[in-house]
Every structure is written in structure tokens, then in C-alpha cells.
Amino acid sequence: MEAQSNVSLARYTTLKVGGVAGSFCQPASVDELAQVASDLKQRQEPFFILGGGSNLLVSNEGFEGTVVRTAKLIEMRQLESDVIEADAGARLPHLAKYAASLGLSGLEFLVGVPGTVGGAVIMNAGAHNSCVANILLDATVFDTATNDIHKMSNSELKFVYRHCALDPARHVVLSARFKLIGDDRATIEQKTKHNEEYRWKTQPLGWPNAGSTFKNPEPTRSAGLLLDQSGAKELKEGQAAVSSIHANFVINTGGATSQDVTSLLKRMQEGVLKKFEIQLHPEWKTLGNFSESEQEIWRE
């Protein structure tokens, strides 16, 4: 596997923002992914596993380490009548449609989520009142601290809202198995289509964006509604703007920088804090160098 140097990361993120990676590679198998992670860890070189590039803000200053992209790890397979397995780089919409084609229900909620299986496990991705924790059987994980590959059950992963027990700096998801429910294929496809159409109507999918920006502060309180009521849809910083369709989405109107985005996120936070006395916390992850004031946005 050949590694490239000084690769622009903006093209590999859904927000289309970010500088270059010192080194960039794309393993051709899950075994190769584990080997690359092991080698980098042993050499004590910083690395980042990149899936679909959603829920991520990359600094314009770039990342000096190695970015390992899982785009080639897309195999999906049916193991039992109600169990399917997918490699880390499998796209969630493709996985949802694959399950539907087999007459298996449970993954319909992921059809509009632009991430991959690996990221979905780590972040407990969710939509339409469901989440990965509801249907995951187990995940095969490479632990860079012990140099060991093992399966972790749903209970061992300790899922909570947009989080699980895995540490992205230590653990690499190689694949995951999902326990689903057999149902009428037409019914599943109808649900899948409905969820897909709902996303197009309610989210700015025509613009570069990184997905929902802030976590819901409580199960019954929507970050999007709080942002809307605080006037966030009027906010803009440079070429980064809050979507007029959904207040919890930041869009890149063309050439936005990470500084534009962090300045905008800070203003969004401040607006909700001032009006509702509620501190919102970003759902996105970050990669690269950010200033002290920018990092404050992510402090819990």
C-alpha cells in the first residue's frame, strides 16, 4: 500500500473544509487497516482513521500525522437469516438499502446519514428515533494498545447518546454485525424511501455540511429548535453560514475556512446560552491544530 504526502483533506470531508495531511493512505482490507494502525502506533506516529468525512471539522492548518481512509473497506455480507456484517468503510445509506433488499428491517433510519459503519459505531449514530445501539450485535475492534483484534458485544461498548466506550485514539473499528428483523420487503423499502425523502426536505443536502452541528441538550429538547428560536438562521461568518432550512446545520457556501466555521459555532452557542441559559456542545469531532479559543467550543 502506497502512502501519499501532503494530501488535501477538504475533498474527503462532507463540509469541504481543511488543510493537508502529512501522509495519507487507503488500506485495501480490514487486515491491512489493522496492520497500518499497528505500525503507526509502534512508531508512535499520530494517525486518524477517516471514514465518510461527516461530523468532522478539519483545521485549515492541516494534520501533521497520517490519515488512514477506510473508503475501500466496503464489503457487506449476510451471515444468518437475520444478521448482516459490514466492513468499517461501508457507507450507511448503502448498508440500509442492502438490508432492505434482503427483507431485513432495522437499518432504515440510516439511509440519509452520510457516514460509514466505523464512525457510526464509535458515535452511536442515530436518526428518526433510533440509533446504532438498538441494532448492533457486536463490533470487531483492533486495540492499538494491546495489538489485539477482538469482538466487543453491544453491552461491552456501553452505548450512550452519540458516544460509546471506544477511544478513537486507541481503538479501530474493523467491522460490525447487526441483528435485524425480517419483514415485508415492500414495507421496508417504503420506510427507507420515506426517511430519505424526509432528509432531503428538512436538511440542506444540496450544500457541503458536516451533519447536525450540536447535540440535543436533553432527550426532549432539540438543539435545532433552540438555535432557530435564538435567531441562528441569520448568522454567517465568512463563507460559513447557518442553513435557512435547518438551524442545526452549518453550510459551506464556497471556500469557508475552519476559522469561519469555529467563529460561527461560537456565535451559535452564545445565542442559545443568552436566550435559554443552555450550553450546547458540538456533535462533530475535530482534526488538526486549533487555537485555545476555538477549542473552548468543544469543552464539556
C-alpha atoms as a PDB file:
ATOM      1  CA  MET A   1       0.000   0.000   0.000  1.00  0.00           C
ATOM      2  CA  GLU A   2       1.452   3.314  -1.110  1.00  0.00           C
ATOM      3  CA  ALA A   3       1.108   6.367   1.125  1.00  0.00           C
ATOM      4  CA  GLN A   4       0.773   9.849  -0.338  1.00  0.00           C
ATOM      5  CA  SER A   5       2.208  13.048   1.130  1.00  0.00           C
ATOM      6  CA  ASN A   6       0.540  16.444   1.612  1.00  0.00           C
ATOM      7  CA  VAL A   7      -2.948  15.393   0.523  1.00  0.00           C
ATOM      8  CA  SER A   8      -5.745  17.974   0.824  1.00  0.00           C
ATOM      9  CA  LEU A   9      -8.337  16.733   3.303  1.00  0.00           C
ATOM     10  CA  ALA A  10     -11.100  19.143   2.264  1.00  0.00           C
ATOM     11  CA  ARG A  11     -12.048  16.895  -0.669  1.00  0.00           C
ATOM     12  CA  TYR A  12     -12.549  13.964   1.711  1.00  0.00           C
ATOM     13  CA  THR A  13     -14.883  15.711   4.172  1.00  0.00           C
ATOM     14  CA  THR A  14     -18.556  16.471   3.635  1.00  0.00           C
ATOM     15  CA  LEU A  15     -18.060  20.080   4.807  1.00  0.00           C
ATOM     16  CA  LYS A  16     -15.250  20.564   2.241  1.00  0.00           C
ATOM     17  CA  VAL A  17     -13.033  22.381   4.762  1.00  0.00           C
ATOM     18  CA  GLY A  18      -9.481  21.639   5.885  1.00  0.00           C
ATOM     19  CA  GLY A  19      -5.774  21.676   5.138  1.00  0.00           C
ATOM     20  CA  VAL A  20      -3.410  18.871   4.156  1.00  0.00           C
ATOM     21  CA  ALA A  21      -2.404  15.617   5.801  1.00  0.00           C
ATOM     22  CA  GLY A  22       1.284  14.881   6.252  1.00  0.00           C
ATOM     23  CA  SER A  23       0.613  11.357   4.997  1.00  0.00           C
ATOM     24  CA  PHE A  24      -2.473   9.695   3.549  1.00  0.00           C
ATOM     25  CA  CYS A  25      -3.285   6.058   2.794  1.00  0.00           C
ATOM     26  CA  GLN A  26      -6.260   3.826   1.971  1.00  0.00           C
ATOM     27  CA  PRO A  27      -5.966   0.192   3.116  1.00  0.00           C
ATOM     28  CA  ALA A  28      -7.441  -2.440   0.797  1.00  0.00           C
ATOM     29  CA  SER A  29      -8.633  -4.821   3.554  1.00  0.00           C
ATOM     30  CA  VAL A  30      -9.530  -4.804   7.245  1.00  0.00           C
ATOM     31  CA  ASP A  31      -6.355  -6.811   7.943  1.00  0.00           C
ATOM     32  CA  GLU A  32      -4.315  -4.128   6.225  1.00  0.00           C
ATOM     33  CA  LEU A  33      -6.146  -1.452   8.213  1.00  0.00           C
ATOM     34  CA  ALA A  34      -5.190  -3.175  11.462  1.00  0.00           C
ATOM     35  CA  GLN A  35      -1.590  -3.589  10.303  1.00  0.00           C
ATOM     36  CA  VAL A  36      -1.254   0.077   9.326  1.00  0.00           C
ATOM     37  CA  ALA A  37      -2.674   1.195  12.671  1.00  0.00           C
ATOM     38  CA  SER A  38      -0.325  -1.185  14.486  1.00  0.00           C
ATOM     39  CA  ASP A  39       2.736   0.042  12.592  1.00  0.00           C
ATOM     40  CA  LEU A  40       1.893   3.704  13.180  1.00  0.00           C
ATOM     41  CA  LYS A  41       1.263   3.090  16.881  1.00  0.00           C
ATOM     42  CA  GLN A  42       4.553   1.228  17.301  1.00  0.00           C
ATOM     43  CA  ARG A  43       6.399   4.086  15.608  1.00  0.00           C
ATOM     44  CA  GLN A  44       4.490   6.489  17.885  1.00  0.00           C
ATOM     45  CA  GLU A  45       3.282   8.457  14.886  1.00  0.00           C
ATOM     46  CA  PRO A  46      -0.043  10.304  15.213  1.00  0.00           C
ATOM     47  CA  PHE A  47      -2.802   8.964  12.978  1.00  0.00           C
ATOM     48  CA  PHE A  48      -6.502   9.445  12.337  1.00  0.00           C
ATOM     49  CA  ILE A  49      -8.999   6.962  10.909  1.00  0.00           C
ATOM     50  CA  LEU A  50     -11.206   8.728   8.364  1.00  0.00           C
ATOM     51  CA  GLY A  51     -14.495   7.247   7.231  1.00  0.00           C
ATOM     52  CA  GLY A  52     -17.037   9.230   5.243  1.00  0.00           C
ATOM     53  CA  GLY A  53     -15.719  12.570   6.488  1.00  0.00           C
ATOM     54  CA  SER A  54     -19.007  13.693   8.042  1.00  0.00           C
ATOM     55  CA  ASN A  55     -19.328  15.013  11.607  1.00  0.00           C
ATOM     56  CA  LEU A  56     -15.791  16.319  11.262  1.00  0.00           C
ATOM     57  CA  LEU A  57     -14.098  19.724  11.144  1.00  0.00           C
ATOM     58  CA  VAL A  58     -10.528  19.704   9.838  1.00  0.00           C
ATOM     59  CA  SER A  59      -8.311  22.685  10.624  1.00  0.00           C
ATOM     60  CA  ASN A  60      -7.027  24.730   7.705  1.00  0.00           C
ATOM     61  CA  GLU A  61      -3.593  24.223   9.249  1.00  0.00           C
ATOM     62  CA  GLY A  62      -3.968  20.545   8.408  1.00  0.00           C
ATOM     63  CA  PHE A  63      -2.817  17.451  10.293  1.00  0.00           C
ATOM     64  CA  GLU A  64       0.865  16.537  10.551  1.00  0.00           C
ATOM     65  CA  GLY A  65       0.229  12.835  11.090  1.00  0.00           C
ATOM     66  CA  THR A  66      -1.168  10.075   8.883  1.00  0.00           C
ATOM     67  CA  VAL A  67      -4.798   9.953   7.795  1.00  0.00           C
ATOM     68  CA  VAL A  68      -5.982   6.393   7.145  1.00  0.00           C
ATOM     69  CA  ARG A  69      -9.130   6.409   4.999  1.00  0.00           C
ATOM     70  CA  THR A  70     -11.427   3.366   5.006  1.00  0.00           C
ATOM     71  CA  ALA A  71     -13.131   4.053   1.646  1.00  0.00           C
ATOM     72  CA  LYS A  72     -12.013   0.718   0.146  1.00  0.00           C
ATOM     73  CA  LEU A  73     -13.401  -1.376   3.024  1.00  0.00           C
ATOM     74  CA  ILE A  74     -16.983  -1.618   1.828  1.00  0.00           C
ATOM     75  CA  GLU A  75     -17.869  -5.318   1.876  1.00  0.00           C
ATOM     76  CA  MET A  76     -21.300  -6.281   3.245  1.00  0.00           C
ATOM     77  CA  ARG A  77     -22.485  -9.859   3.775  1.00  0.00           C
ATOM     78  CA  GLN A  78     -25.420 -11.792   5.197  1.00  0.00           C
ATOM     79  CA  LEU A  79     -24.203 -14.224   7.870  1.00  0.00           C
ATOM     80  CA  GLU A  80     -27.523 -15.585   9.113  1.00  0.00           C
ATOM     81  CA  SER A  81     -31.143 -15.056   8.162  1.00  0.00           C
ATOM     82  CA  ASP A  82     -31.326 -12.000  10.430  1.00  0.00           C
ATOM     83  CA  VAL A  83     -27.651 -10.992  10.812  1.00  0.00           C
ATOM     84  CA  ILE A  84     -25.541  -8.937   8.404  1.00  0.00           C
ATOM     85  CA  GLU A  85     -21.930  -7.833   8.731  1.00  0.00           C
ATOM     86  CA  ALA A  86     -20.283  -4.797   7.159  1.00  0.00           C
ATOM     87  CA  ASP A  87     -16.691  -3.587   6.987  1.00  0.00           C
ATOM     88  CA  ALA A  88     -15.707  -0.264   8.550  1.00  0.00           C
ATOM     89  CA  GLY A  89     -15.817   1.755   5.345  1.00  0.00           C
ATOM     90  CA  ALA A  90     -19.264   0.643   4.195  1.00  0.00           C
ATOM     91  CA  ARG A  91     -21.485   3.679   3.639  1.00  0.00           C
ATOM     92  CA  LEU A  92     -24.550   3.778   5.870  1.00  0.00           C
ATOM     93  CA  PRO A  93     -27.066   4.527   3.084  1.00  0.00           C
ATOM     94  CA  HIS A  94     -25.688   1.567   1.106  1.00  0.00           C
ATOM     95  CA  LEU A  95     -25.948  -0.662   4.185  1.00  0.00           C
ATOM     96  CA  ALA A  96     -29.568   0.388   4.792  1.00  0.00           C
ATOM     97  CA  LYS A  97     -30.516  -0.384   1.198  1.00  0.00           C
ATOM     98  CA  TYR A  98     -28.630  -3.688   1.264  1.00  0.00           C
ATOM     99  CA  ALA A  99     -30.598  -4.769   4.336  1.00  0.00           C
ATOM    100  CA  ALA A 100     -33.843  -3.693   2.657  1.00  0.00           C
ATOM    101  CA  SER A 101     -33.015  -5.801  -0.406  1.00  0.00           C
ATOM    102  CA  LEU A 102     -32.736  -8.846   1.892  1.00  0.00           C
ATOM    103  CA  GLY A 103     -36.070  -8.155   3.565  1.00  0.00           C
ATOM    104  CA  LEU A 104     -34.398  -7.149   6.836  1.00  0.00           C
ATOM    105  CA  SER A 105     -35.704  -4.236   8.886  1.00  0.00           C
ATOM    106  CA  GLY A 106     -33.890  -2.091  11.458  1.00  0.00           C
ATOM    107  CA  LEU A 107     -31.441  -0.036   9.412  1.00  0.00           C
ATOM    108  CA  GLU A 108     -33.956   2.209   7.619  1.00  0.00           C
ATOM    109  CA  PHE A 109     -33.071   5.147   9.888  1.00  0.00           C
ATOM    110  CA  LEU A 110     -29.523   5.261   8.488  1.00  0.00           C
ATOM    111  CA  VAL A 111     -30.446   5.780   4.835  1.00  0.00           C
ATOM    112  CA  GLY A 112     -29.842   9.535   4.950  1.00  0.00           C
ATOM    113  CA  VAL A 113     -26.809   9.518   7.248  1.00  0.00           C
ATOM    114  CA  PRO A 114     -23.631  10.249   5.230  1.00  0.00           C
ATOM    115  CA  GLY A 115     -21.216   8.309   7.447  1.00  0.00           C
ATOM    116  CA  THR A 116     -19.633   4.867   7.474  1.00  0.00           C
ATOM    117  CA  VAL A 117     -20.000   1.824   9.707  1.00  0.00           C
ATOM    118  CA  GLY A 118     -16.831   2.507  11.726  1.00  0.00           C
ATOM    119  CA  GLY A 119     -17.794   6.051  12.597  1.00  0.00           C
ATOM    120  CA  ALA A 120     -21.407   5.060  13.242  1.00  0.00           C
ATOM    121  CA  VAL A 121     -20.312   2.564  15.902  1.00  0.00           C
ATOM    122  CA  ILE A 122     -17.958   4.990  17.644  1.00  0.00           C
ATOM    123  CA  MET A 123     -20.521   7.820  17.660  1.00  0.00           C
ATOM    124  CA  ASN A 124     -23.632   5.670  18.103  1.00  0.00           C
ATOM    125  CA  ALA A 125     -25.109   7.335  15.029  1.00  0.00           C
ATOM    126  CA  GLY A 126     -28.828   7.908  15.107  1.00  0.00           C
ATOM    127  CA  ALA A 127     -31.836   9.427  13.389  1.00  0.00           C
ATOM    128  CA  HIS A 128     -35.622   9.033  13.270  1.00  0.00           C
ATOM    129  CA  ASN A 129     -35.804   7.965  16.938  1.00  0.00           C
ATOM    130  CA  SER A 130     -33.391   5.082  16.515  1.00  0.00           C
ATOM    131  CA  CYS A 131     -29.634   4.539  16.807  1.00  0.00           C
ATOM    132  CA  VAL A 132     -26.867   2.021  16.214  1.00  0.00           C
ATOM    133  CA  ALA A 133     -27.120   0.743  19.794  1.00  0.00           C
ATOM    134  CA  ASN A 134     -30.587  -0.621  19.019  1.00  0.00           C
ATOM    135  CA  ILE A 135     -29.440  -2.993  16.284  1.00  0.00           C
ATOM    136  CA  LEU A 136     -25.712  -3.663  16.776  1.00  0.00           C
ATOM    137  CA  LEU A 137     -24.827  -7.214  17.756  1.00  0.00           C
ATOM    138  CA  ASP A 138     -21.075  -6.659  18.132  1.00  0.00           C
ATOM    139  CA  ALA A 139     -18.073  -4.947  16.546  1.00  0.00           C
ATOM    140  CA  THR A 140     -14.669  -6.331  15.626  1.00  0.00           C
ATOM    141  CA  VAL A 141     -12.100  -3.912  17.031  1.00  0.00           C
ATOM    142  CA  PHE A 142      -8.341  -3.546  16.811  1.00  0.00           C
ATOM    143  CA  ASP A 143      -6.843  -2.287  20.075  1.00  0.00           C
ATOM    144  CA  THR A 144      -3.597  -0.428  19.330  1.00  0.00           C
ATOM    145  CA  ALA A 145      -2.599  -0.513  22.997  1.00  0.00           C
ATOM    146  CA  THR A 146      -2.599  -4.325  23.175  1.00  0.00           C
ATOM    147  CA  ASN A 147      -2.087  -5.029  19.436  1.00  0.00           C
ATOM    148  CA  ASP A 148      -5.081  -7.329  19.638  1.00  0.00           C
ATOM    149  CA  ILE A 149      -8.151  -7.876  17.454  1.00  0.00           C
ATOM    150  CA  HIS A 150     -11.282  -8.931  19.296  1.00  0.00           C
ATOM    151  CA  LYS A 151     -15.071  -8.694  19.220  1.00  0.00           C
ATOM    152  CA  MET A 152     -16.874  -6.339  21.585  1.00  0.00           C
ATOM    153  CA  SER A 153     -20.520  -7.006  22.324  1.00  0.00           C
ATOM    154  CA  ASN A 154     -23.213  -4.364  22.413  1.00  0.00           C
ATOM    155  CA  SER A 155     -23.139  -4.311  26.214  1.00  0.00           C
ATOM    156  CA  GLU A 156     -19.331  -4.051  26.318  1.00  0.00           C
ATOM    157  CA  LEU A 157     -19.472  -0.987  24.054  1.00  0.00           C
ATOM    158  CA  LYS A 158     -21.615   0.811  26.664  1.00  0.00           C
ATOM    159  CA  PHE A 159     -23.535   2.960  24.236  1.00  0.00           C
ATOM    160  CA  VAL A 160     -24.934   6.313  25.291  1.00  0.00           C
ATOM    161  CA  TYR A 161     -26.160   9.276  23.248  1.00  0.00           C
ATOM    162  CA  ARG A 162     -23.629   9.891  20.422  1.00  0.00           C
ATOM    163  CA  HIS A 163     -20.889   8.026  22.263  1.00  0.00           C
ATOM    164  CA  CYS A 164     -19.597   4.598  23.245  1.00  0.00           C
ATOM    165  CA  ALA A 165     -16.750   3.093  25.274  1.00  0.00           C
ATOM    166  CA  LEU A 166     -14.311   3.063  22.343  1.00  0.00           C
ATOM    167  CA  ASP A 167     -11.486   5.603  22.305  1.00  0.00           C
ATOM    168  CA  PRO A 168     -10.789   6.715  18.696  1.00  0.00           C
ATOM    169  CA  ALA A 169      -7.171   7.392  19.663  1.00  0.00           C
ATOM    170  CA  ARG A 170      -6.771   3.761  20.704  1.00  0.00           C
ATOM    171  CA  HIS A 171      -9.465   1.613  19.077  1.00  0.00           C
ATOM    172  CA  VAL A 172     -10.041   0.987  15.372  1.00  0.00           C
ATOM    173  CA  VAL A 173     -13.367  -0.496  14.280  1.00  0.00           C
ATOM    174  CA  LEU A 174     -12.751  -3.096  11.568  1.00  0.00           C
ATOM    175  CA  SER A 175     -16.301  -4.365  11.028  1.00  0.00           C
ATOM    176  CA  ALA A 176     -19.664  -4.690  12.760  1.00  0.00           C
ATOM    177  CA  ARG A 177     -22.542  -7.180  12.887  1.00  0.00           C
ATOM    178  CA  PHE A 178     -26.177  -6.112  13.026  1.00  0.00           C
ATOM    179  CA  LYS A 179     -29.142  -8.100  14.337  1.00  0.00           C
ATOM    180  CA  LEU A 180     -32.208  -7.235  12.279  1.00  0.00           C
ATOM    181  CA  ILE A 181     -35.834  -8.313  11.885  1.00  0.00           C
ATOM    182  CA  GLY A 182     -37.353  -9.958   8.837  1.00  0.00           C
ATOM    183  CA  ASP A 183     -40.245  -8.022   7.313  1.00  0.00           C
ATOM    184  CA  ASP A 184     -42.073  -7.481   4.066  1.00  0.00           C
ATOM    185  CA  ARG A 185     -39.583  -6.078   1.564  1.00  0.00           C
ATOM    186  CA  ALA A 186     -42.016  -3.540   0.142  1.00  0.00           C
ATOM    187  CA  THR A 187     -42.770  -2.215   3.638  1.00  0.00           C
ATOM    188  CA  ILE A 188     -39.067  -1.835   4.442  1.00  0.00           C
ATOM    189  CA  GLU A 189     -38.368  -0.069   1.166  1.00  0.00           C
ATOM    190  CA  GLN A 190     -41.296   2.277   1.798  1.00  0.00           C
ATOM    191  CA  LYS A 191     -39.851   3.230   5.214  1.00  0.00           C
ATOM    192  CA  THR A 192     -36.424   3.669   3.681  1.00  0.00           C
ATOM    193  CA  LYS A 193     -37.765   5.907   0.931  1.00  0.00           C
ATOM    194  CA  HIS A 194     -39.788   7.965   3.429  1.00  0.00           C
ATOM    195  CA  ASN A 195     -36.716   8.585   5.608  1.00  0.00           C
ATOM    196  CA  GLU A 196     -34.628   9.506   2.582  1.00  0.00           C
ATOM    197  CA  GLU A 197     -37.227  11.973   1.304  1.00  0.00           C
ATOM    198  CA  TYR A 198     -37.648  13.475   4.780  1.00  0.00           C
ATOM    199  CA  ARG A 199     -33.914  14.203   4.941  1.00  0.00           C
ATOM    200  CA  TRP A 200     -33.996  15.993   1.593  1.00  0.00           C
ATOM    201  CA  LYS A 201     -36.928  18.137   2.709  1.00  0.00           C
ATOM    202  CA  THR A 202     -35.584  19.086   6.127  1.00  0.00           C
ATOM    203  CA  GLN A 203     -31.794  19.281   5.693  1.00  0.00           C
ATOM    204  CA  PRO A 204     -29.508  21.299   3.374  1.00  0.00           C
ATOM    205  CA  LEU A 205     -28.212  18.273   1.498  1.00  0.00           C
ATOM    206  CA  GLY A 206     -27.505  20.396  -1.573  1.00  0.00           C
ATOM    207  CA  TRP A 207     -24.739  22.260   0.294  1.00  0.00           C
ATOM    208  CA  PRO A 208     -21.477  20.977   1.817  1.00  0.00           C
ATOM    209  CA  ASN A 209     -22.199  20.330   5.502  1.00  0.00           C
ATOM    210  CA  ALA A 210     -20.955  18.066   8.272  1.00  0.00           C
ATOM    211  CA  GLY A 211     -24.329  16.883   9.555  1.00  0.00           C
ATOM    212  CA  SER A 212     -26.034  18.007  12.744  1.00  0.00           C
ATOM    213  CA  THR A 213     -23.752  20.526  14.425  1.00  0.00           C
ATOM    214  CA  PHE A 214     -24.779  20.365  18.090  1.00  0.00           C
ATOM    215  CA  LYS A 215     -26.042  17.525  20.271  1.00  0.00           C
ATOM    216  CA  ASN A 216     -29.534  17.788  21.689  1.00  0.00           C
ATOM    217  CA  PRO A 217     -29.017  19.053  25.272  1.00  0.00           C
ATOM    218  CA  GLU A 218     -31.743  16.745  26.571  1.00  0.00           C
ATOM    219  CA  PRO A 219     -33.777  13.893  25.033  1.00  0.00           C
ATOM    220  CA  THR A 220     -36.827  16.152  24.902  1.00  0.00           C
ATOM    221  CA  ARG A 221     -35.068  19.355  23.778  1.00  0.00           C
ATOM    222  CA  SER A 222     -33.980  19.867  20.197  1.00  0.00           C
ATOM    223  CA  ALA A 223     -30.767  21.782  19.523  1.00  0.00           C
ATOM    224  CA  GLY A 224     -32.205  22.786  16.160  1.00  0.00           C
ATOM    225  CA  LEU A 225     -35.311  24.330  17.715  1.00  0.00           C
ATOM    226  CA  LEU A 226     -33.277  26.188  20.354  1.00  0.00           C
ATOM    227  CA  LEU A 227     -30.979  27.559  17.667  1.00  0.00           C
ATOM    228  CA  ASP A 228     -33.924  28.553  15.481  1.00  0.00           C
ATOM    229  CA  GLN A 229     -35.637  30.398  18.333  1.00  0.00           C
ATOM    230  CA  SER A 230     -32.404  32.217  19.184  1.00  0.00           C
ATOM    231  CA  GLY A 231     -32.135  33.604  15.653  1.00  0.00           C
ATOM    232  CA  ALA A 232     -29.249  31.406  14.481  1.00  0.00           C
ATOM    233  CA  LYS A 233     -30.531  31.158  10.902  1.00  0.00           C
ATOM    234  CA  GLU A 234     -29.432  34.765  10.357  1.00  0.00           C
ATOM    235  CA  LEU A 235     -25.814  34.048  11.306  1.00  0.00           C
ATOM    236  CA  LYS A 236     -22.880  33.941   8.916  1.00  0.00           C
ATOM    237  CA  GLU A 237     -19.088  34.096   9.280  1.00  0.00           C
ATOM    238  CA  GLY A 238     -17.032  34.465   6.125  1.00  0.00           C
ATOM    239  CA  GLN A 239     -18.213  31.716   3.785  1.00  0.00           C
ATOM    240  CA  ALA A 240     -19.775  29.614   6.569  1.00  0.00           C
ATOM    241  CA  ALA A 241     -23.468  30.109   7.259  1.00  0.00           C
ATOM    242  CA  VAL A 242     -26.294  28.573   9.257  1.00  0.00           C
ATOM    243  CA  SER A 243     -28.718  26.841   6.915  1.00  0.00           C
ATOM    244  CA  SER A 244     -32.073  28.542   6.311  1.00  0.00           C
ATOM    245  CA  ILE A 245     -33.622  25.054   6.136  1.00  0.00           C
ATOM    246  CA  HIS A 246     -32.369  23.718   9.477  1.00  0.00           C
ATOM    247  CA  ALA A 247     -30.749  25.848  12.196  1.00  0.00           C
ATOM    248  CA  ASN A 248     -28.568  22.989  13.460  1.00  0.00           C
ATOM    249  CA  PHE A 249     -26.736  22.722  10.139  1.00  0.00           C
ATOM    250  CA  VAL A 250     -23.738  24.802   9.088  1.00  0.00           C
ATOM    251  CA  ILE A 251     -23.103  25.012   5.356  1.00  0.00           C
ATOM    252  CA  ASN A 252     -20.038  25.939   3.337  1.00  0.00           C
ATOM    253  CA  THR A 253     -21.207  28.492   0.778  1.00  0.00           C
ATOM    254  CA  GLY A 254     -17.873  28.322  -1.037  1.00  0.00           C
ATOM    255  CA  GLY A 255     -14.321  28.430   0.295  1.00  0.00           C
ATOM    256  CA  ALA A 256     -15.150  28.505   4.009  1.00  0.00           C
ATOM    257  CA  THR A 257     -12.210  28.101   6.385  1.00  0.00           C
ATOM    258  CA  SER A 258     -12.088  26.280   9.695  1.00  0.00           C
ATOM    259  CA  GLN A 259     -11.774  29.715  11.316  1.00  0.00           C
ATOM    260  CA  ASP A 260     -15.030  30.812   9.656  1.00  0.00           C
ATOM    261  CA  VAL A 261     -16.738  27.694  10.970  1.00  0.00           C
ATOM    262  CA  THR A 262     -15.454  27.880  14.559  1.00  0.00           C
ATOM    263  CA  SER A 263     -16.378  31.581  14.778  1.00  0.00           C
ATOM    264  CA  LEU A 264     -19.876  30.702  13.594  1.00  0.00           C
ATOM    265  CA  LEU A 265     -20.243  27.816  16.050  1.00  0.00           C
ATOM    266  CA  LYS A 266     -19.216  30.101  18.900  1.00  0.00           C
ATOM    267  CA  ARG A 267     -21.886  32.650  17.950  1.00  0.00           C
ATOM    268  CA  MET A 268     -24.492  29.881  17.717  1.00  0.00           C
ATOM    269  CA  GLN A 269     -23.559  28.667  21.197  1.00  0.00           C
ATOM    270  CA  GLU A 270     -23.636  32.171  22.629  1.00  0.00           C
ATOM    271  CA  GLY A 271     -27.070  32.887  21.169  1.00  0.00           C
ATOM    272  CA  VAL A 272     -28.649  29.831  22.807  1.00  0.00           C
ATOM    273  CA  LEU A 273     -26.829  30.423  26.088  1.00  0.00           C
ATOM    274  CA  LYS A 274     -28.042  34.018  26.232  1.00  0.00           C
ATOM    275  CA  LYS A 275     -31.681  33.244  25.409  1.00  0.00           C
ATOM    276  CA  PHE A 276     -32.168  29.900  27.179  1.00  0.00           C
ATOM    277  CA  GLU A 277     -29.183  29.572  29.580  1.00  0.00           C
ATOM    278  CA  ILE A 278     -28.341  26.263  27.891  1.00  0.00           C
ATOM    279  CA  GLN A 279     -24.813  25.387  26.780  1.00  0.00           C
ATOM    280  CA  LEU A 280     -24.778  23.444  23.525  1.00  0.00           C
ATOM    281  CA  HIS A 281     -21.932  21.042  22.733  1.00  0.00           C
ATOM    282  CA  PRO A 282     -20.848  20.131  19.189  1.00  0.00           C
ATOM    283  CA  GLU A 283     -21.609  16.695  17.809  1.00  0.00           C
ATOM    284  CA  TRP A 284     -18.673  16.994  15.387  1.00  0.00           C
ATOM    285  CA  LYS A 285     -15.133  15.791  16.009  1.00  0.00           C
ATOM    286  CA  THR A 286     -12.069  17.881  15.151  1.00  0.00           C
ATOM    287  CA  LEU A 287      -8.775  17.097  13.441  1.00  0.00           C
ATOM    288  CA  GLY A 288      -5.659  19.255  13.316  1.00  0.00           C
ATOM    289  CA  ASN A 289      -4.474  22.330  15.168  1.00  0.00           C
ATOM    290  CA  PHE A 290      -6.992  24.755  16.629  1.00  0.00           C
ATOM    291  CA  SER A 291      -6.375  27.807  18.807  1.00  0.00           C
ATOM    292  CA  GLU A 292      -7.200  27.823  22.508  1.00  0.00           C
ATOM    293  CA  SER A 293     -10.321  29.944  21.947  1.00  0.00           C
ATOM    294  CA  GLU A 294     -11.504  27.594  19.178  1.00  0.00           C
ATOM    295  CA  GLN A 295     -11.034  24.532  21.388  1.00  0.00           C
ATOM    296  CA  GLU A 296     -13.299  26.079  24.052  1.00  0.00           C
ATOM    297  CA  ILE A 297     -16.281  25.336  21.815  1.00  0.00           C
ATOM    298  CA  TRP A 298     -15.713  21.593  22.370  1.00  0.00           C
ATOM    299  CA  ARG A 299     -15.169  21.678  26.125  1.00  0.00           C
ATOM    300  CA  GLU A 300     -17.836  19.778  28.038  1.00  0.00           C
END
